[in-house]
Amino acid sequence: MIALSGVTRAYTLGDQTVQAIAGINLSIQRGEYCSIMGPSGSGKSTLLNLIALLDRPSSGRYELNGEDVTGLSDDQLASVRNRSIGFVFQSFHLVPRLSAAQNIELPLVLAGVAPRERTPRVQAALAALGLESRAGHRPSELSGGQRQRVAIARAMIMQPPLLLADEPTGNLDSASGAQVVEILEGLHREQGVTLLVVTHDAALGLRASRRIRISDGRIAADEH
């Protein structure tokens, strides 16, 4: 599903060049559950952004589902992201003025799905995550765990084959975090979603069947 070949990412800061990713070769098969771990500044978030098509490599090649996405235009990348990748972030990234239901519906709107098709899909997503009673509430009226469940529902509403989670429990209490982890792992287990989790939390990272450790922009370990 994911194939990175000789991928690098360098940033220019003043008169210095920072090599955030230094020649990574990585293949992830459909249906895998992988964690990416490493200390702050190791390059793991940069790697996730490259995989997510939110950033472009400085060099190398990236194939997603057998398609070379390295040289696609911004509009083409946005289209691939919308149909192929779901995102869950530490800070939720919900639209403050929209209700829970409207946040979940947003990817369907952007994809041009007809309203008569959107409504039942959103209702089913709300029900699946126990959010029916919170459908009309804005993010500010939801708990952290509820906001993350809305974010997961939004990430999966297009039924993407790949789900990327960046510190998904970082802003949650232990009980809410455990619930979110169970939801994510349930999507992997029951729907065959390829799950990729970036985390500082060693306990969360060790739950994955494959554990990739990043150091200084390189893969330091890849354990199954």
N, C-alpha and C. Protein backbone atom coordinates (compact mmCIF):
# COMPACT_ATOMS: atom_id res chain seq x y z
N MET A 1 0.81 -1.21 0.00
CA MET A 1 0.00 0.00 0.00
C MET A 1 0.85 1.26 0.00
N ILE A 2 1.86 1.31 0.90
CA ILE A 2 2.76 2.45 1.01
C ILE A 2 4.16 1.98 0.65
N ALA A 3 4.82 2.70 -0.27
CA ALA A 3 6.19 2.35 -0.66
C ALA A 3 6.99 3.64 -0.80
N LEU A 4 7.93 3.84 0.13
CA LEU A 4 8.83 4.98 0.07
C LEU A 4 10.20 4.47 -0.36
N SER A 5 10.79 5.14 -1.34
CA SER A 5 12.10 4.73 -1.85
C SER A 5 13.05 5.93 -1.83
N GLY A 6 14.05 5.86 -0.96
CA GLY A 6 15.06 6.91 -0.88
C GLY A 6 14.50 8.28 -0.58
N VAL A 7 13.46 8.34 0.24
CA VAL A 7 12.77 9.61 0.50
C VAL A 7 13.57 10.47 1.49
N THR A 8 13.74 11.73 1.13
CA THR A 8 14.37 12.71 2.01
C THR A 8 13.45 13.92 2.15
N ARG A 9 13.66 14.66 3.22
CA ARG A 9 12.97 15.95 3.39
C ARG A 9 13.90 16.87 4.12
N ALA A 10 14.27 17.96 3.44
CA ALA A 10 15.17 18.95 4.02
C ALA A 10 14.47 20.29 4.10
N TYR A 11 14.77 21.04 5.15
CA TYR A 11 14.22 22.38 5.35
C TYR A 11 15.37 23.38 5.44
N THR A 12 15.15 24.56 4.91
CA THR A 12 16.12 25.63 5.03
C THR A 12 15.68 26.58 6.13
N LEU A 13 16.52 26.73 7.14
CA LEU A 13 16.26 27.63 8.25
C LEU A 13 17.39 28.65 8.29
N GLY A 14 17.11 29.85 7.77
CA GLY A 14 18.17 30.85 7.67
C GLY A 14 19.23 30.39 6.69
N ASP A 15 20.45 30.29 7.16
CA ASP A 15 21.54 29.83 6.30
C ASP A 15 21.88 28.36 6.53
N GLN A 16 20.99 27.65 7.25
CA GLN A 16 21.24 26.25 7.55
C GLN A 16 20.20 25.36 6.87
N THR A 17 20.63 24.17 6.51
CA THR A 17 19.74 23.15 5.96
C THR A 17 19.57 22.04 6.98
N VAL A 18 18.33 21.77 7.34
CA VAL A 18 18.03 20.73 8.31
C VAL A 18 17.47 19.52 7.57
N GLN A 19 18.12 18.38 7.74
CA GLN A 19 17.69 17.14 7.09
C GLN A 19 16.75 16.40 8.04
N ALA A 20 15.45 16.62 7.87
CA ALA A 20 14.47 16.01 8.77
C ALA A 20 14.28 14.53 8.48
N ILE A 21 14.31 14.16 7.20
CA ILE A 21 14.22 12.77 6.77
C ILE A 21 15.39 12.51 5.85
N ALA A 22 16.15 11.46 6.16
CA ALA A 22 17.45 11.28 5.51
C ALA A 22 17.53 9.95 4.75
N GLY A 23 16.72 9.81 3.72
CA GLY A 23 16.83 8.63 2.87
C GLY A 23 16.13 7.41 3.43
N ILE A 24 14.83 7.48 3.55
CA ILE A 24 14.06 6.38 4.13
C ILE A 24 13.49 5.48 3.04
N ASN A 25 13.66 4.18 3.23
CA ASN A 25 13.01 3.15 2.42
C ASN A 25 12.03 2.42 3.34
N LEU A 26 10.76 2.42 2.96
CA LEU A 26 9.74 1.84 3.83
C LEU A 26 8.59 1.31 3.00
N SER A 27 8.18 0.08 3.31
CA SER A 27 7.03 -0.53 2.65
C SER A 27 6.04 -0.99 3.72
N ILE A 28 4.79 -0.58 3.59
CA ILE A 28 3.73 -0.98 4.51
C ILE A 28 2.62 -1.62 3.70
N GLN A 29 2.26 -2.84 4.08
CA GLN A 29 1.27 -3.59 3.33
C GLN A 29 -0.14 -3.24 3.78
N ARG A 30 -1.09 -3.44 2.89
CA ARG A 30 -2.49 -3.21 3.22
C ARG A 30 -2.90 -4.06 4.43
N GLY A 31 -3.59 -3.45 5.37
CA GLY A 31 -4.08 -4.17 6.54
C GLY A 31 -3.11 -4.25 7.71
N GLU A 32 -1.94 -3.66 7.60
CA GLU A 32 -1.00 -3.68 8.73
C GLU A 32 -1.41 -2.68 9.80
N TYR A 33 -0.93 -2.93 11.02
CA TYR A 33 -1.10 -2.02 12.14
C TYR A 33 0.30 -1.66 12.60
N CYS A 34 0.72 -0.43 12.31
CA CYS A 34 2.09 -0.01 12.57
C CYS A 34 2.10 1.20 13.50
N SER A 35 3.10 1.25 14.35
CA SER A 35 3.36 2.46 15.12
C SER A 35 4.70 3.03 14.68
N ILE A 36 4.78 4.36 14.74
CA ILE A 36 6.03 5.07 14.48
C ILE A 36 6.40 5.81 15.75
N MET A 37 7.55 5.46 16.31
CA MET A 37 7.98 6.04 17.58
C MET A 37 9.36 6.65 17.43
N GLY A 38 9.65 7.57 18.34
CA GLY A 38 10.96 8.21 18.35
C GLY A 38 10.90 9.46 19.19
N PRO A 39 12.06 9.95 19.63
CA PRO A 39 12.08 11.16 20.47
C PRO A 39 11.66 12.39 19.68
N SER A 40 11.37 13.46 20.39
CA SER A 40 11.04 14.72 19.75
C SER A 40 12.18 15.15 18.83
N GLY A 41 11.82 15.56 17.62
CA GLY A 41 12.83 15.97 16.65
C GLY A 41 13.43 14.84 15.84
N SER A 42 12.93 13.62 16.03
CA SER A 42 13.50 12.47 15.32
C SER A 42 13.08 12.41 13.87
N GLY A 43 11.97 13.07 13.53
CA GLY A 43 11.49 13.06 12.15
C GLY A 43 10.21 12.27 11.97
N LYS A 44 9.65 11.74 13.06
CA LYS A 44 8.47 10.88 12.89
C LYS A 44 7.24 11.65 12.40
N SER A 45 7.05 12.88 12.88
CA SER A 45 5.90 13.66 12.41
C SER A 45 6.11 14.11 10.96
N THR A 46 7.34 14.42 10.61
CA THR A 46 7.63 14.76 9.21
C THR A 46 7.34 13.57 8.31
N LEU A 47 7.72 12.38 8.75
CA LEU A 47 7.44 11.17 7.97
C LEU A 47 5.94 10.98 7.81
N LEU A 48 5.19 11.18 8.89
CA LEU A 48 3.74 11.04 8.80
C LEU A 48 3.15 12.04 7.82
N ASN A 49 3.63 13.28 7.86
CA ASN A 49 3.11 14.30 6.94
C ASN A 49 3.41 13.94 5.48
N LEU A 50 4.56 13.32 5.24
CA LEU A 50 4.88 12.87 3.88
C LEU A 50 3.94 11.75 3.46
N ILE A 51 3.74 10.78 4.33
CA ILE A 51 2.84 9.67 4.02
C ILE A 51 1.42 10.19 3.81
N ALA A 52 1.03 11.22 4.58
CA ALA A 52 -0.31 11.78 4.51
C ALA A 52 -0.52 12.70 3.31
N LEU A 53 0.53 12.94 2.55
CA LEU A 53 0.47 13.85 1.39
C LEU A 53 0.20 15.28 1.82
N LEU A 54 0.56 15.60 3.06
CA LEU A 54 0.47 16.97 3.54
C LEU A 54 1.77 17.72 3.29
N ASP A 55 2.80 17.01 2.90
CA ASP A 55 4.11 17.58 2.59
C ASP A 55 4.70 16.77 1.43
N ARG A 56 5.69 17.35 0.78
CA ARG A 56 6.32 16.68 -0.36
C ARG A 56 7.77 16.34 -0.03
N PRO A 57 8.25 15.20 -0.47
CA PRO A 57 9.67 14.88 -0.24
C PRO A 57 10.59 15.78 -1.06
N SER A 58 11.77 16.03 -0.52
CA SER A 58 12.78 16.78 -1.27
C SER A 58 13.35 15.93 -2.39
N SER A 59 13.42 14.63 -2.15
CA SER A 59 13.87 13.69 -3.17
C SER A 59 13.32 12.32 -2.84
N GLY A 60 13.42 11.41 -3.79
CA GLY A 60 12.91 10.07 -3.60
C GLY A 60 11.55 9.88 -4.24
N ARG A 61 10.96 8.72 -4.01
CA ARG A 61 9.72 8.33 -4.67
C ARG A 61 8.74 7.78 -3.64
N TYR A 62 7.48 8.14 -3.81
CA TYR A 62 6.42 7.67 -2.93
C TYR A 62 5.30 7.09 -3.79
N GLU A 63 5.00 5.82 -3.55
CA GLU A 63 3.88 5.18 -4.22
C GLU A 63 2.82 4.84 -3.18
N LEU A 64 1.57 5.20 -3.49
CA LEU A 64 0.44 4.90 -2.63
C LEU A 64 -0.57 4.09 -3.44
N ASN A 65 -0.87 2.89 -2.96
CA ASN A 65 -1.77 1.99 -3.70
C ASN A 65 -1.31 1.77 -5.14
N GLY A 66 0.01 1.67 -5.30
CA GLY A 66 0.57 1.40 -6.61
C GLY A 66 0.69 2.60 -7.52
N GLU A 67 0.28 3.77 -7.06
CA GLU A 67 0.33 4.99 -7.87
C GLU A 67 1.47 5.88 -7.37
N ASP A 68 2.31 6.34 -8.31
CA ASP A 68 3.37 7.27 -7.96
C ASP A 68 2.74 8.64 -7.70
N VAL A 69 2.74 9.06 -6.44
CA VAL A 69 2.10 10.32 -6.07
C VAL A 69 3.13 11.44 -5.88
N THR A 70 4.39 11.17 -6.17
CA THR A 70 5.45 12.12 -5.88
C THR A 70 5.26 13.44 -6.62
N GLY A 71 4.86 13.36 -7.88
CA GLY A 71 4.80 14.57 -8.69
C GLY A 71 3.40 15.10 -8.95
N LEU A 72 2.41 14.66 -8.18
CA LEU A 72 1.05 15.11 -8.41
C LEU A 72 0.88 16.58 -8.03
N SER A 73 -0.07 17.25 -8.68
CA SER A 73 -0.38 18.64 -8.36
C SER A 73 -1.09 18.71 -7.01
N ASP A 74 -1.21 19.92 -6.47
CA ASP A 74 -1.88 20.09 -5.18
C ASP A 74 -3.33 19.61 -5.25
N ASP A 75 -4.03 19.90 -6.36
CA ASP A 75 -5.42 19.46 -6.50
C ASP A 75 -5.51 17.94 -6.58
N GLN A 76 -4.56 17.32 -7.28
CA GLN A 76 -4.55 15.87 -7.38
C GLN A 76 -4.26 15.23 -6.02
N LEU A 77 -3.34 15.82 -5.27
CA LEU A 77 -3.02 15.30 -3.94
C LEU A 77 -4.23 15.41 -3.02
N ALA A 78 -4.95 16.53 -3.10
CA ALA A 78 -6.14 16.71 -2.28
C ALA A 78 -7.19 15.64 -2.59
N SER A 79 -7.33 15.31 -3.88
CA SER A 79 -8.29 14.28 -4.28
C SER A 79 -7.89 12.91 -3.74
N VAL A 80 -6.60 12.59 -3.81
CA VAL A 80 -6.12 11.31 -3.29
C VAL A 80 -6.32 11.24 -1.79
N ARG A 81 -5.99 12.32 -1.09
CA ARG A 81 -6.18 12.35 0.37
C ARG A 81 -7.63 12.11 0.74
N ASN A 82 -8.54 12.76 0.04
CA ASN A 82 -9.95 12.69 0.42
C ASN A 82 -10.52 11.29 0.25
N ARG A 83 -10.06 10.58 -0.77
CA ARG A 83 -10.64 9.25 -1.01
C ARG A 83 -9.84 8.11 -0.39
N SER A 84 -8.59 8.37 -0.02
CA SER A 84 -7.72 7.25 0.39
C SER A 84 -7.20 7.31 1.81
N ILE A 85 -7.22 8.48 2.45
CA ILE A 85 -6.55 8.64 3.74
C ILE A 85 -7.47 9.32 4.74
N GLY A 86 -7.57 8.72 5.94
CA GLY A 86 -8.25 9.35 7.05
C GLY A 86 -7.23 9.85 8.06
N PHE A 87 -7.53 10.96 8.73
CA PHE A 87 -6.59 11.58 9.67
C PHE A 87 -7.22 11.76 11.04
N VAL A 88 -6.46 11.43 12.07
CA VAL A 88 -6.86 11.72 13.45
C VAL A 88 -5.67 12.39 14.12
N PHE A 89 -5.90 13.59 14.66
CA PHE A 89 -4.81 14.39 15.23
C PHE A 89 -4.97 14.56 16.73
N GLN A 90 -3.86 14.86 17.39
CA GLN A 90 -3.87 15.09 18.83
C GLN A 90 -4.82 16.23 19.20
N SER A 91 -4.85 17.28 18.38
CA SER A 91 -5.64 18.48 18.69
C SER A 91 -6.99 18.48 17.98
N PHE A 92 -7.41 17.34 17.48
CA PHE A 92 -8.74 17.11 16.91
C PHE A 92 -8.96 17.81 15.56
N HIS A 93 -8.62 19.11 15.45
CA HIS A 93 -8.78 19.88 14.21
C HIS A 93 -10.22 19.86 13.70
N LEU A 94 -11.17 19.98 14.61
CA LEU A 94 -12.56 20.11 14.22
C LEU A 94 -12.85 21.58 13.89
N VAL A 95 -13.85 21.81 13.04
CA VAL A 95 -14.23 23.18 12.68
C VAL A 95 -15.12 23.73 13.80
N PRO A 96 -14.70 24.78 14.50
CA PRO A 96 -15.41 25.22 15.71
C PRO A 96 -16.87 25.61 15.48
N ARG A 97 -17.17 26.19 14.33
CA ARG A 97 -18.53 26.70 14.11
C ARG A 97 -19.50 25.62 13.65
N LEU A 98 -18.98 24.43 13.34
CA LEU A 98 -19.83 23.35 12.85
C LEU A 98 -20.19 22.40 13.99
N SER A 99 -21.37 21.81 13.89
CA SER A 99 -21.79 20.80 14.86
C SER A 99 -21.00 19.51 14.64
N ALA A 100 -21.15 18.57 15.58
CA ALA A 100 -20.50 17.27 15.43
C ALA A 100 -20.91 16.62 14.12
N ALA A 101 -22.21 16.62 13.83
CA ALA A 101 -22.69 16.00 12.59
C ALA A 101 -22.13 16.69 11.37
N GLN A 102 -22.06 18.01 11.40
CA GLN A 102 -21.55 18.76 10.25
C GLN A 102 -20.05 18.54 10.05
N ASN A 103 -19.31 18.39 11.16
CA ASN A 103 -17.89 18.08 11.04
C ASN A 103 -17.69 16.72 10.38
N ILE A 104 -18.49 15.75 10.79
CA ILE A 104 -18.38 14.41 10.21
C ILE A 104 -18.76 14.44 8.73
N GLU A 105 -19.73 15.26 8.39
CA GLU A 105 -20.25 15.33 7.02
C GLU A 105 -19.29 16.03 6.06
N LEU A 106 -18.39 16.85 6.58
CA LEU A 106 -17.57 17.73 5.75
C LEU A 106 -16.84 17.02 4.61
N PRO A 107 -16.16 15.89 4.84
CA PRO A 107 -15.49 15.22 3.70
C PRO A 107 -16.46 14.81 2.60
N LEU A 108 -17.68 14.43 2.97
CA LEU A 108 -18.68 14.06 1.96
C LEU A 108 -19.08 15.27 1.14
N VAL A 109 -19.21 16.42 1.80
CA VAL A 109 -19.54 17.66 1.08
C VAL A 109 -18.43 18.00 0.09
N LEU A 110 -17.18 17.92 0.55
CA LEU A 110 -16.04 18.25 -0.30
C LEU A 110 -15.92 17.29 -1.48
N ALA A 111 -16.38 16.05 -1.27
CA ALA A 111 -16.31 15.05 -2.34
C ALA A 111 -17.50 15.14 -3.29
N GLY A 112 -18.45 16.03 -3.00
CA GLY A 112 -19.60 16.19 -3.87
C GLY A 112 -20.67 15.13 -3.73
N VAL A 113 -20.70 14.45 -2.58
CA VAL A 113 -21.73 13.43 -2.33
C VAL A 113 -23.08 14.13 -2.12
N ALA A 114 -24.12 13.61 -2.73
CA ALA A 114 -25.44 14.22 -2.67
C ALA A 114 -25.98 14.21 -1.24
N PRO A 115 -26.73 15.26 -0.85
CA PRO A 115 -27.27 15.34 0.52
C PRO A 115 -28.08 14.11 0.94
N ARG A 116 -28.85 13.54 0.01
CA ARG A 116 -29.68 12.38 0.38
C ARG A 116 -28.82 11.16 0.74
N GLU A 117 -27.58 11.13 0.23
CA GLU A 117 -26.66 10.05 0.59
C GLU A 117 -25.88 10.39 1.85
N ARG A 118 -25.63 11.68 2.05
CA ARG A 118 -24.81 12.09 3.20
C ARG A 118 -25.50 11.82 4.52
N THR A 119 -26.78 12.16 4.60
CA THR A 119 -27.49 12.10 5.88
C THR A 119 -27.46 10.71 6.51
N PRO A 120 -27.83 9.65 5.80
CA PRO A 120 -27.79 8.33 6.45
C PRO A 120 -26.39 7.88 6.83
N ARG A 121 -25.39 8.27 6.05
CA ARG A 121 -24.02 7.89 6.37
C ARG A 121 -23.54 8.60 7.64
N VAL A 122 -23.90 9.86 7.78
CA VAL A 122 -23.51 10.59 8.99
C VAL A 122 -24.24 10.03 10.20
N GLN A 123 -25.53 9.73 10.04
CA GLN A 123 -26.29 9.16 11.16
C GLN A 123 -25.72 7.82 11.59
N ALA A 124 -25.31 7.01 10.63
CA ALA A 124 -24.72 5.71 10.96
C ALA A 124 -23.39 5.89 11.68
N ALA A 125 -22.59 6.88 11.26
CA ALA A 125 -21.30 7.13 11.92
C ALA A 125 -21.50 7.61 13.35
N LEU A 126 -22.48 8.50 13.55
CA LEU A 126 -22.78 8.97 14.90
C LEU A 126 -23.20 7.81 15.80
N ALA A 127 -24.05 6.94 15.27
CA ALA A 127 -24.54 5.81 16.05
C ALA A 127 -23.41 4.85 16.38
N ALA A 128 -22.52 4.61 15.42
CA ALA A 128 -21.44 3.65 15.62
C ALA A 128 -20.50 4.07 16.75
N LEU A 129 -20.38 5.39 16.95
CA LEU A 129 -19.46 5.89 17.96
C LEU A 129 -20.19 6.48 19.17
N GLY A 130 -21.48 6.17 19.30
CA GLY A 130 -22.23 6.59 20.48
C GLY A 130 -22.37 8.09 20.61
N LEU A 131 -22.54 8.77 19.49
CA LEU A 131 -22.58 10.23 19.49
C LEU A 131 -23.94 10.80 19.08
N GLU A 132 -24.96 9.96 18.99
CA GLU A 132 -26.26 10.44 18.50
C GLU A 132 -26.76 11.64 19.30
N SER A 133 -26.62 11.60 20.60
CA SER A 133 -27.14 12.67 21.45
C SER A 133 -26.30 13.94 21.37
N ARG A 134 -25.14 13.85 20.75
CA ARG A 134 -24.24 15.02 20.65
C ARG A 134 -24.17 15.55 19.23
N ALA A 135 -25.03 15.07 18.35
CA ALA A 135 -24.95 15.42 16.92
C ALA A 135 -25.00 16.92 16.68
N GLY A 136 -25.84 17.63 17.43
CA GLY A 136 -26.01 19.06 17.20
C GLY A 136 -25.09 19.95 18.01
N HIS A 137 -24.20 19.36 18.78
CA HIS A 137 -23.29 20.13 19.63
C HIS A 137 -22.03 20.53 18.88
N ARG A 138 -21.55 21.72 19.15
CA ARG A 138 -20.29 22.19 18.58
C ARG A 138 -19.12 21.63 19.40
N PRO A 139 -17.91 21.65 18.83
CA PRO A 139 -16.76 21.08 19.54
C PRO A 139 -16.56 21.63 20.94
N SER A 140 -16.82 22.92 21.13
CA SER A 140 -16.62 23.53 22.46
C SER A 140 -17.57 22.96 23.50
N GLU A 141 -18.64 22.29 23.06
CA GLU A 141 -19.63 21.72 23.96
C GLU A 141 -19.41 20.23 24.19
N LEU A 142 -18.30 19.71 23.67
CA LEU A 142 -18.00 18.28 23.77
C LEU A 142 -16.78 18.06 24.66
N SER A 143 -16.71 16.91 25.29
CA SER A 143 -15.51 16.54 26.05
C SER A 143 -14.39 16.17 25.07
N GLY A 144 -13.17 16.04 25.59
CA GLY A 144 -12.05 15.66 24.74
C GLY A 144 -12.28 14.32 24.05
N GLY A 145 -12.77 13.34 24.81
CA GLY A 145 -13.03 12.03 24.23
C GLY A 145 -14.09 12.08 23.16
N GLN A 146 -15.14 12.89 23.37
CA GLN A 146 -16.19 13.03 22.36
C GLN A 146 -15.65 13.71 21.12
N ARG A 147 -14.82 14.72 21.30
CA ARG A 147 -14.23 15.40 20.14
C ARG A 147 -13.37 14.45 19.32
N GLN A 148 -12.61 13.59 20.01
CA GLN A 148 -11.77 12.66 19.27
C GLN A 148 -12.62 11.61 18.55
N ARG A 149 -13.74 11.21 19.15
CA ARG A 149 -14.64 10.28 18.46
C ARG A 149 -15.26 10.93 17.23
N VAL A 150 -15.60 12.22 17.32
CA VAL A 150 -16.09 12.94 16.14
C VAL A 150 -15.00 12.97 15.07
N ALA A 151 -13.75 13.21 15.49
CA ALA A 151 -12.64 13.25 14.54
C ALA A 151 -12.45 11.90 13.86
N ILE A 152 -12.61 10.81 14.62
CA ILE A 152 -12.48 9.48 14.03
C ILE A 152 -13.61 9.22 13.03
N ALA A 153 -14.83 9.61 13.42
CA ALA A 153 -15.96 9.43 12.50
C ALA A 153 -15.75 10.22 11.22
N ARG A 154 -15.25 11.44 11.34
CA ARG A 154 -14.96 12.26 10.15
C ARG A 154 -13.87 11.60 9.31
N ALA A 155 -12.85 11.07 9.97
CA ALA A 155 -11.74 10.44 9.24
C ALA A 155 -12.20 9.23 8.44
N MET A 156 -13.22 8.52 8.95
CA MET A 156 -13.63 7.27 8.32
C MET A 156 -14.89 7.38 7.46
N ILE A 157 -15.49 8.58 7.38
CA ILE A 157 -16.77 8.71 6.69
C ILE A 157 -16.66 8.39 5.20
N MET A 158 -15.47 8.59 4.62
CA MET A 158 -15.25 8.27 3.20
C MET A 158 -14.77 6.82 3.03
N GLN A 159 -14.70 6.09 4.13
CA GLN A 159 -14.24 4.70 4.14
C GLN A 159 -12.86 4.53 3.49
N PRO A 160 -11.89 5.35 3.91
CA PRO A 160 -10.55 5.24 3.33
C PRO A 160 -9.87 3.95 3.78
N PRO A 161 -8.99 3.39 2.97
CA PRO A 161 -8.28 2.18 3.37
C PRO A 161 -7.14 2.43 4.34
N LEU A 162 -6.73 3.71 4.49
CA LEU A 162 -5.58 4.06 5.32
C LEU A 162 -6.00 5.08 6.36
N LEU A 163 -5.70 4.79 7.64
CA LEU A 163 -6.01 5.71 8.74
C LEU A 163 -4.70 6.08 9.44
N LEU A 164 -4.41 7.38 9.50
CA LEU A 164 -3.20 7.89 10.13
C LEU A 164 -3.59 8.63 11.41
N ALA A 165 -2.96 8.28 12.51
CA ALA A 165 -3.28 8.89 13.80
C ALA A 165 -2.01 9.46 14.41
N ASP A 166 -2.00 10.78 14.63
CA ASP A 166 -0.83 11.47 15.19
C ASP A 166 -1.10 11.80 16.65
N GLU A 167 -0.48 11.07 17.56
CA GLU A 167 -0.67 11.23 19.00
C GLU A 167 -2.17 11.28 19.35
N PRO A 168 -2.95 10.27 18.96
CA PRO A 168 -4.41 10.35 19.09
C PRO A 168 -4.93 10.42 20.52
N THR A 169 -4.09 10.02 21.50
CA THR A 169 -4.52 10.06 22.90
C THR A 169 -3.81 11.16 23.69
N GLY A 170 -3.05 11.98 23.00
CA GLY A 170 -2.19 12.95 23.68
C GLY A 170 -2.92 13.96 24.54
N ASN A 171 -4.13 14.34 24.16
CA ASN A 171 -4.89 15.34 24.90
C ASN A 171 -6.04 14.75 25.71
N LEU A 172 -5.99 13.45 25.96
CA LEU A 172 -7.11 12.78 26.61
C LEU A 172 -6.70 12.19 27.97
N ASP A 173 -7.69 12.07 28.87
CA ASP A 173 -7.44 11.35 30.11
C ASP A 173 -7.32 9.86 29.80
N SER A 174 -6.88 9.09 30.76
CA SER A 174 -6.56 7.68 30.49
C SER A 174 -7.79 6.89 30.05
N ALA A 175 -8.94 7.16 30.64
CA ALA A 175 -10.14 6.41 30.27
C ALA A 175 -10.58 6.74 28.85
N SER A 176 -10.60 8.03 28.51
CA SER A 176 -10.97 8.43 27.15
C SER A 176 -9.95 7.93 26.14
N GLY A 177 -8.67 7.98 26.52
CA GLY A 177 -7.62 7.49 25.63
C GLY A 177 -7.77 6.01 25.34
N ALA A 178 -8.09 5.23 26.37
CA ALA A 178 -8.28 3.79 26.17
C ALA A 178 -9.46 3.53 25.25
N GLN A 179 -10.51 4.32 25.38
CA GLN A 179 -11.67 4.15 24.51
C GLN A 179 -11.32 4.46 23.06
N VAL A 180 -10.56 5.53 22.85
CA VAL A 180 -10.16 5.91 21.49
C VAL A 180 -9.27 4.83 20.88
N VAL A 181 -8.33 4.30 21.65
CA VAL A 181 -7.46 3.23 21.15
C VAL A 181 -8.30 2.01 20.74
N GLU A 182 -9.28 1.65 21.54
CA GLU A 182 -10.13 0.51 21.21
C GLU A 182 -10.90 0.75 19.91
N ILE A 183 -11.36 1.98 19.71
CA ILE A 183 -12.09 2.30 18.47
C ILE A 183 -11.16 2.17 17.26
N LEU A 184 -9.96 2.74 17.38
CA LEU A 184 -9.00 2.68 16.27
C LEU A 184 -8.64 1.22 15.96
N GLU A 185 -8.34 0.45 17.00
CA GLU A 185 -7.97 -0.94 16.79
C GLU A 185 -9.15 -1.76 16.27
N GLY A 186 -10.36 -1.38 16.67
CA GLY A 186 -11.54 -2.05 16.14
C GLY A 186 -11.70 -1.83 14.65
N LEU A 187 -11.41 -0.62 14.18
CA LEU A 187 -11.47 -0.34 12.74
C LEU A 187 -10.46 -1.20 11.98
N HIS A 188 -9.28 -1.33 12.56
CA HIS A 188 -8.26 -2.19 11.95
C HIS A 188 -8.68 -3.65 11.95
N ARG A 189 -9.19 -4.09 13.07
CA ARG A 189 -9.52 -5.51 13.25
C ARG A 189 -10.76 -5.92 12.45
N GLU A 190 -11.77 -5.09 12.46
CA GLU A 190 -13.06 -5.47 11.89
C GLU A 190 -13.25 -5.02 10.45
N GLN A 191 -12.59 -3.94 10.06
CA GLN A 191 -12.77 -3.43 8.70
C GLN A 191 -11.52 -3.57 7.84
N GLY A 192 -10.44 -4.06 8.44
CA GLY A 192 -9.22 -4.26 7.67
C GLY A 192 -8.50 -2.97 7.32
N VAL A 193 -8.79 -1.89 8.05
CA VAL A 193 -8.14 -0.61 7.79
C VAL A 193 -6.65 -0.70 8.11
N THR A 194 -5.82 -0.17 7.24
CA THR A 194 -4.40 -0.04 7.53
C THR A 194 -4.24 1.09 8.52
N LEU A 195 -3.68 0.80 9.70
CA LEU A 195 -3.61 1.77 10.78
C LEU A 195 -2.16 2.12 11.07
N LEU A 196 -1.86 3.41 11.02
CA LEU A 196 -0.51 3.91 11.27
C LEU A 196 -0.59 4.97 12.37
N VAL A 197 0.05 4.69 13.51
CA VAL A 197 -0.05 5.56 14.68
C VAL A 197 1.33 6.12 15.01
N VAL A 198 1.42 7.45 15.08
CA VAL A 198 2.64 8.11 15.56
C VAL A 198 2.43 8.47 17.02
N THR A 199 3.35 8.09 17.88
CA THR A 199 3.15 8.32 19.31
C THR A 199 4.46 8.42 20.08
N HIS A 200 4.42 9.22 21.16
CA HIS A 200 5.49 9.23 22.15
C HIS A 200 5.24 8.17 23.22
N ASP A 201 4.01 7.68 23.28
CA ASP A 201 3.58 6.77 24.34
C ASP A 201 4.05 5.34 24.02
N ALA A 202 5.03 4.87 24.75
CA ALA A 202 5.60 3.55 24.47
C ALA A 202 4.55 2.46 24.61
N ALA A 203 3.66 2.59 25.60
CA ALA A 203 2.63 1.57 25.81
C ALA A 203 1.70 1.49 24.61
N LEU A 204 1.32 2.63 24.06
CA LEU A 204 0.48 2.65 22.85
C LEU A 204 1.24 2.10 21.66
N GLY A 205 2.48 2.52 21.50
CA GLY A 205 3.27 2.06 20.36
C GLY A 205 3.47 0.56 20.36
N LEU A 206 3.63 -0.02 21.54
CA LEU A 206 3.88 -1.46 21.63
C LEU A 206 2.64 -2.30 21.35
N ARG A 207 1.47 -1.68 21.30
CA ARG A 207 0.25 -2.42 20.96
C ARG A 207 0.23 -2.81 19.48
N ALA A 208 0.95 -2.07 18.65
CA ALA A 208 0.95 -2.33 17.21
C ALA A 208 1.70 -3.63 16.91
N SER A 209 1.26 -4.30 15.85
CA SER A 209 1.93 -5.54 15.46
C SER A 209 3.27 -5.28 14.78
N ARG A 210 3.46 -4.05 14.31
CA ARG A 210 4.74 -3.66 13.72
C ARG A 210 5.13 -2.31 14.31
N ARG A 211 6.39 -2.22 14.78
CA ARG A 211 6.84 -1.02 15.48
C ARG A 211 8.08 -0.47 14.79
N ILE A 212 7.95 0.75 14.27
CA ILE A 212 9.02 1.41 13.53
C ILE A 212 9.57 2.54 14.40
N ARG A 213 10.86 2.52 14.64
CA ARG A 213 11.49 3.56 15.45
C ARG A 213 12.35 4.45 14.57
N ILE A 214 12.16 5.77 14.75
CA ILE A 214 12.87 6.76 13.95
C ILE A 214 13.88 7.48 14.82
N SER A 215 15.07 7.69 14.27
CA SER A 215 16.10 8.46 14.96
C SER A 215 16.89 9.25 13.92
N ASP A 216 16.99 10.55 14.13
CA ASP A 216 17.77 11.42 13.24
C ASP A 216 17.32 11.27 11.78
N GLY A 217 16.03 11.14 11.57
CA GLY A 217 15.51 11.10 10.22
C GLY A 217 15.69 9.78 9.50
N ARG A 218 16.09 8.76 10.24
CA ARG A 218 16.29 7.44 9.65
C ARG A 218 15.54 6.37 10.45
N ILE A 219 15.29 5.24 9.82
CA ILE A 219 14.67 4.12 10.52
C ILE A 219 15.76 3.41 11.32
N ALA A 220 15.61 3.48 12.66
CA ALA A 220 16.59 2.87 13.54
C ALA A 220 16.23 1.42 13.86
N ALA A 221 14.92 1.10 13.82
CA ALA A 221 14.48 -0.26 14.09
C ALA A 221 13.14 -0.48 13.44
N ASP A 222 12.89 -1.71 13.02
CA ASP A 222 11.61 -2.07 12.39
C ASP A 222 11.28 -3.49 12.89
N GLU A 223 10.41 -3.54 13.90
CA GLU A 223 10.17 -4.79 14.62
C GLU A 223 8.75 -5.30 14.35
N HIS A 224 8.62 -6.58 14.12
CA HIS A 224 7.32 -7.21 13.91
C HIS A 224 6.99 -8.05 15.13
